Amino acid sequence: MRLLFLSFLYFFSGWVWAQVPDEYELIPYPDQQAQDSINMRRISLESQSKDTLIKSNDLYYREDQFYAAVTYNLLQKRTGGISQSAFSSGFNLGFLRDFPVNKDRNVALAFGFGYSINNYRSNLHVTDTDPIGYKIAENFEKNRLNLHYIDVPLEIRWRTSTPKNTQFWRIYTGFKLSWLVYSRSKINGDYPSEEVKNNPDLTKLRYGMYLSVGHGTLNFYACYMLNPIFKEAYIDGQRIDMTSLNLGLIFYIL
C-alpha cells in the first residue's frame, strides 16, 4: 500500500511541474521581436506620411475656380431716342485657374474661360432689310436683343482665405475679352414679328473691366464694357455707340 501511495505521489508531482513553462518559453523569439518592431515602425511611418500629405495639400490649396453670375444689364451712351423698355438680364458661368503668388496664397492671378448670355430690352427696332436698318419702335409688345459671348477673363485676386476657412472676404478685379458667337433680335407688336440673327453690324470682339467684392457666398459683381455693342450702325444719321454696364451677384465654388 505504501508503495502504491508513493508511486501516485511521484506521478502527480511530475504532472504539475510539466505544466509550468520553462523560462526560455516566456521570452519571445528574436525573429518575432524583429517583426513586431518592423510593424510598429511601418504604422508610425504611414501615420506620419498621411499627416505630411494633408499638410502638403493645405500648403498648395487654390480657391474660387468655378463661377456663375446673374446680372441686370444697363445700356450706356444711348443716342437717337433709344431707351430701355423692360428688365434686361444676363447670365455668366465659367472656370478660372487660380495661381497664388505669395506664401500665404491670399494673393493670386487667375485666367480662364467662360460663357455669357446678355439680353437687352429697348425700343431699338432692328429691321430685317438689306442693308439692316435701325429705327425707334412704336406700339410694340416685346423687343429683345440677345447676345452670346465666349469670355476670356484675366484677374488679380486678394482674399482672407486659409486652408481651413471657406468663409472669407475677397476683392477680385480684372479684364476680359468677349467674342460674339451668336446674336438674335426680335420684335413683336401690332405688326408681324421681325427677327434678325447674327447681325454683321454687331461688334465681334468686345473688352471690358470688372470687379467682384464680397464675403462667403454673397458677392457683388460689376462689369463695364469699354467698346460699343455695334461696330457700324446708325439711327437718323447718328451713330449707335451704346455700351453696357452689368450689375449683379457672382458665386464661386472650389
Protein backbone atom coordinates (compact mmCIF):
# COMPACT_ATOMS: atom_id res chain seq x y z
CA MET A 1 0.00 0.00 0.00
CA ARG A 2 2.81 2.40 0.88
CA LEU A 3 4.46 1.56 -2.43
CA LEU A 4 1.28 2.36 -4.30
CA PHE A 5 0.89 5.72 -2.50
CA LEU A 6 4.50 6.77 -3.25
CA SER A 7 4.08 5.85 -6.90
CA PHE A 8 0.91 8.05 -7.16
CA LEU A 9 2.67 11.00 -5.43
CA TYR A 10 5.62 10.77 -7.80
CA PHE A 11 3.36 10.71 -10.88
CA PHE A 12 1.23 13.69 -9.70
CA SER A 13 4.24 15.91 -8.86
CA GLY A 14 5.77 15.21 -12.28
CA TRP A 15 2.50 16.22 -14.00
CA VAL A 16 2.31 19.54 -12.07
CA TRP A 17 5.84 20.52 -12.90
CA ALA A 18 5.22 19.71 -16.55
CA GLN A 19 2.51 22.47 -16.65
CA VAL A 20 4.95 25.25 -15.57
CA PRO A 21 6.62 26.78 -18.69
CA ASP A 22 10.36 26.93 -18.85
CA GLU A 23 11.99 30.34 -18.64
CA TYR A 24 13.01 30.33 -22.31
CA GLU A 25 9.39 29.77 -23.31
CA LEU A 26 8.42 33.13 -21.69
CA ILE A 27 10.88 35.07 -23.86
CA PRO A 28 9.70 35.88 -27.44
CA TYR A 29 11.74 34.54 -30.28
CA PRO A 30 14.26 37.03 -31.66
CA ASP A 31 12.62 36.82 -35.12
CA GLN A 32 9.21 37.69 -33.67
CA GLN A 33 10.66 40.67 -31.80
CA ALA A 34 12.20 41.99 -35.02
CA GLN A 35 8.92 41.55 -36.95
CA ASP A 36 6.92 43.36 -34.25
CA SER A 37 9.41 46.23 -34.33
CA ILE A 38 9.16 46.48 -38.13
CA ASN A 39 5.36 46.50 -37.99
CA MET A 40 5.30 49.27 -35.37
CA ARG A 41 7.77 51.35 -37.39
CA ARG A 42 5.68 50.88 -40.55
CA ILE A 43 2.49 52.03 -38.79
CA SER A 44 4.31 55.09 -37.45
CA LEU A 45 5.71 55.99 -40.89
CA GLU A 46 2.32 55.56 -42.56
CA SER A 47 0.73 57.87 -39.99
CA GLN A 48 3.46 60.48 -40.49
CA SER A 49 3.12 60.17 -44.26
CA LYS A 50 -0.63 60.86 -44.11
CA ASP A 51 -0.10 63.88 -41.85
CA THR A 52 2.60 65.21 -44.18
CA LEU A 53 0.35 64.71 -47.22
CA ILE A 54 -2.51 66.61 -45.59
CA LYS A 55 -0.20 69.47 -44.62
CA SER A 56 1.33 69.49 -48.10
CA ASN A 57 -2.10 69.68 -49.73
CA ASP A 58 -3.03 72.54 -47.40
CA LEU A 59 0.07 74.45 -48.47
CA TYR A 60 -0.97 74.22 -52.13
CA TYR A 61 -4.69 74.94 -51.92
CA ARG A 62 -6.49 77.04 -54.53
CA GLU A 63 -9.75 78.96 -54.33
CA ASP A 64 -12.76 80.06 -56.40
CA GLN A 65 -12.10 78.21 -59.64
CA PHE A 66 -15.70 77.93 -60.86
CA TYR A 67 -18.06 80.89 -61.04
CA ALA A 68 -21.63 81.80 -62.00
CA ALA A 69 -23.14 85.28 -62.14
CA VAL A 70 -26.58 86.79 -62.66
CA THR A 71 -26.78 90.45 -63.72
CA TYR A 72 -29.04 93.37 -64.53
CA ASN A 73 -27.84 94.91 -67.79
CA LEU A 74 -27.91 98.67 -68.29
CA LEU A 75 -27.42 100.28 -71.70
CA GLN A 76 -24.99 103.20 -71.60
CA LYS A 77 -24.38 106.06 -74.08
CA ARG A 78 -27.84 105.79 -75.64
CA THR A 79 -28.41 108.12 -78.59
CA GLY A 80 -31.20 108.90 -81.04
CA GLY A 81 -34.04 108.42 -78.57
CA ILE A 82 -33.06 104.86 -77.58
CA SER A 83 -34.33 103.78 -74.15
CA GLN A 84 -34.62 100.56 -72.20
CA SER A 85 -38.16 99.24 -72.07
CA ALA A 86 -38.01 96.39 -69.52
CA PHE A 87 -35.76 94.38 -67.24
CA SER A 88 -32.63 93.25 -69.10
CA SER A 89 -30.88 90.21 -67.63
CA GLY A 90 -27.59 88.40 -68.04
CA PHE A 91 -26.05 85.10 -67.01
CA ASN A 92 -22.34 84.15 -66.90
CA LEU A 93 -20.55 80.96 -65.95
CA GLY A 94 -17.03 79.63 -66.36
CA PHE A 95 -13.76 78.33 -64.97
CA LEU A 96 -10.78 80.33 -63.66
CA ARG A 97 -7.45 78.68 -62.86
CA ASP A 98 -6.14 80.12 -59.59
CA PHE A 99 -2.38 80.91 -59.42
CA PRO A 100 -1.34 82.13 -55.92
CA VAL A 101 1.73 84.37 -55.99
CA ASN A 102 2.68 84.60 -52.30
CA LYS A 103 3.43 82.19 -49.46
CA ASP A 104 0.09 82.71 -47.69
CA ARG A 105 -1.72 82.12 -51.01
CA ASN A 106 -4.12 85.00 -50.36
CA VAL A 107 -2.90 86.99 -53.39
CA ALA A 108 -3.32 85.33 -56.77
CA LEU A 109 -3.72 85.69 -60.50
CA ALA A 110 -6.47 83.85 -62.36
CA PHE A 111 -7.03 83.05 -66.02
CA GLY A 112 -9.83 81.12 -67.63
CA PHE A 113 -12.77 80.75 -70.00
CA GLY A 114 -16.46 81.38 -69.68
CA TYR A 115 -19.77 81.74 -71.49
CA SER A 116 -22.18 84.65 -71.12
CA ILE A 117 -25.70 85.43 -72.33
CA ASN A 118 -26.88 89.04 -72.27
CA ASN A 119 -30.37 90.28 -73.05
CA TYR A 120 -31.20 93.92 -73.78
CA ARG A 121 -34.82 95.11 -73.95
CA SER A 122 -35.20 98.50 -75.59
CA ASN A 123 -37.12 100.43 -78.19
CA LEU A 124 -34.39 99.99 -80.82
CA HIS A 125 -36.06 98.25 -83.78
CA VAL A 126 -33.63 96.25 -85.92
CA THR A 127 -35.23 95.81 -89.36
CA ASP A 128 -34.75 92.69 -91.47
CA THR A 129 -33.77 94.56 -94.62
CA ASP A 130 -30.75 94.72 -96.90
CA PRO A 131 -28.85 96.51 -95.55
CA ILE A 132 -30.11 96.10 -91.99
CA GLY A 133 -31.85 99.23 -90.72
CA TYR A 134 -32.49 100.81 -87.31
CA LYS A 135 -35.34 102.96 -86.03
CA ILE A 136 -37.26 103.75 -82.86
CA ALA A 137 -40.05 101.21 -82.36
CA GLU A 138 -43.61 102.23 -81.56
CA ASN A 139 -46.62 100.20 -80.40
CA PHE A 140 -44.57 97.09 -79.69
CA GLU A 141 -45.08 94.43 -77.03
CA LYS A 142 -41.62 92.88 -76.80
CA ASN A 143 -38.31 93.87 -78.30
CA ARG A 144 -35.19 92.00 -77.32
CA LEU A 145 -31.56 91.85 -78.40
CA ASN A 146 -29.96 88.58 -77.30
CA LEU A 147 -26.13 88.23 -77.37
CA HIS A 148 -23.99 85.15 -76.65
CA TYR A 149 -20.27 85.50 -75.91
CA ILE A 150 -17.27 83.32 -75.16
CA ASP A 151 -15.34 85.13 -72.41
CA VAL A 152 -11.63 85.10 -71.61
CA PRO A 153 -11.10 86.72 -68.16
CA LEU A 154 -7.79 87.62 -66.51
CA GLU A 155 -7.92 88.87 -62.94
CA ILE A 156 -5.94 89.86 -59.84
CA ARG A 157 -7.21 88.41 -56.56
CA TRP A 158 -6.91 89.35 -52.89
CA ARG A 159 -8.65 87.35 -50.14
CA THR A 160 -8.50 86.48 -46.45
CA SER A 161 -8.69 82.73 -47.03
CA THR A 162 -6.82 79.95 -45.21
CA PRO A 163 -6.69 76.21 -46.00
CA LYS A 164 -9.49 75.54 -43.48
CA ASN A 165 -11.58 78.70 -43.92
CA THR A 166 -14.30 78.68 -46.60
CA GLN A 167 -15.97 81.93 -45.48
CA PHE A 168 -13.63 84.81 -46.28
CA TRP A 169 -13.50 88.30 -47.76
CA ARG A 170 -12.46 88.71 -51.39
CA ILE A 171 -11.72 91.54 -53.79
CA TYR A 172 -11.17 90.43 -57.38
CA THR A 173 -10.67 92.79 -60.31
CA GLY A 174 -9.84 92.03 -63.89
CA PHE A 175 -10.06 92.49 -67.62
CA LYS A 176 -11.97 90.29 -70.04
CA LEU A 177 -12.32 89.72 -73.76
CA SER A 178 -15.70 88.65 -75.13
CA TRP A 179 -16.12 87.08 -78.56
CA LEU A 180 -19.61 87.20 -80.04
CA VAL A 181 -20.74 83.73 -81.21
CA TYR A 182 -24.47 84.27 -81.70
CA SER A 183 -26.95 87.14 -81.83
CA ARG A 184 -30.70 87.45 -82.25
CA SER A 185 -33.02 90.44 -82.22
CA LYS A 186 -36.79 90.04 -82.30
CA ILE A 187 -39.70 92.46 -82.04
CA ASN A 188 -43.40 91.72 -81.54
CA GLY A 189 -46.23 94.23 -81.70
CA ASP A 190 -49.23 95.41 -83.69
CA TYR A 191 -47.48 94.26 -86.87
CA PRO A 192 -45.85 90.99 -87.99
CA SER A 193 -42.91 89.98 -85.79
CA GLU A 194 -39.46 90.63 -87.20
CA GLU A 195 -36.28 88.70 -86.41
CA VAL A 196 -32.62 89.21 -87.31
CA LYS A 197 -29.97 86.60 -86.46
CA ASN A 198 -26.18 87.07 -86.42
CA ASN A 199 -26.32 90.75 -87.31
CA PRO A 200 -23.00 91.67 -89.06
CA ASP A 201 -23.20 95.22 -87.67
CA LEU A 202 -22.50 93.98 -84.12
CA THR A 203 -19.01 94.21 -82.65
CA LYS A 204 -17.43 90.76 -82.74
CA LEU A 205 -14.71 91.33 -80.13
CA ARG A 206 -15.56 93.35 -77.04
CA TYR A 207 -13.44 94.09 -73.98
CA GLY A 208 -14.10 95.48 -70.53
CA MET A 209 -13.19 95.77 -66.87
CA TYR A 210 -14.92 94.03 -63.97
CA LEU A 211 -14.91 93.87 -60.18
CA SER A 212 -16.26 91.39 -57.63
CA VAL A 213 -16.34 92.14 -53.90
CA GLY A 214 -17.92 90.16 -51.10
CA HIS A 215 -17.79 87.64 -48.29
CA GLY A 216 -18.60 83.94 -48.40
CA THR A 217 -21.27 83.17 -50.97
CA LEU A 218 -22.61 86.74 -51.29
CA ASN A 219 -20.51 88.77 -53.75
CA PHE A 220 -21.32 91.93 -55.68
CA TYR A 221 -20.32 91.96 -59.37
CA ALA A 222 -19.94 94.83 -61.83
CA CYS A 223 -18.68 94.76 -65.42
CA TYR A 224 -18.32 97.73 -67.78
CA MET A 225 -17.57 97.05 -71.44
CA LEU A 226 -15.26 99.65 -72.95
CA ASN A 227 -16.23 99.39 -76.63
CA PRO A 228 -19.72 99.62 -78.15
CA ILE A 229 -22.20 96.82 -78.87
CA PHE A 230 -22.48 97.90 -82.53
CA LYS A 231 -19.42 98.47 -84.68
CA GLU A 232 -21.25 100.19 -87.52
CA ALA A 233 -24.88 101.20 -87.04
CA TYR A 234 -26.81 104.49 -87.40
CA ILE A 235 -30.23 105.77 -86.45
CA ASP A 236 -31.47 109.00 -88.05
CA GLY A 237 -27.90 109.78 -89.06
CA GLN A 238 -26.49 109.31 -85.54
CA ARG A 239 -24.00 106.59 -84.77
CA ILE A 240 -25.21 103.99 -82.23
CA ASP A 241 -22.41 103.95 -79.66
CA MET A 242 -24.21 102.05 -76.91
CA THR A 243 -22.18 100.04 -74.48
CA SER A 244 -23.23 98.12 -71.36
CA LEU A 245 -22.86 98.13 -67.60
CA ASN A 246 -23.80 94.83 -65.94
CA LEU A 247 -24.53 94.76 -62.18
CA GLY A 248 -25.38 91.69 -60.14
CA LEU A 249 -24.21 88.83 -57.96
CA ILE A 250 -21.45 86.30 -58.56
CA PHE A 251 -20.97 82.94 -56.84
CA TYR A 252 -17.74 80.94 -56.53
CA ILE A 253 -17.11 77.28 -55.76
CA LEU A 254 -13.98 75.12 -55.34
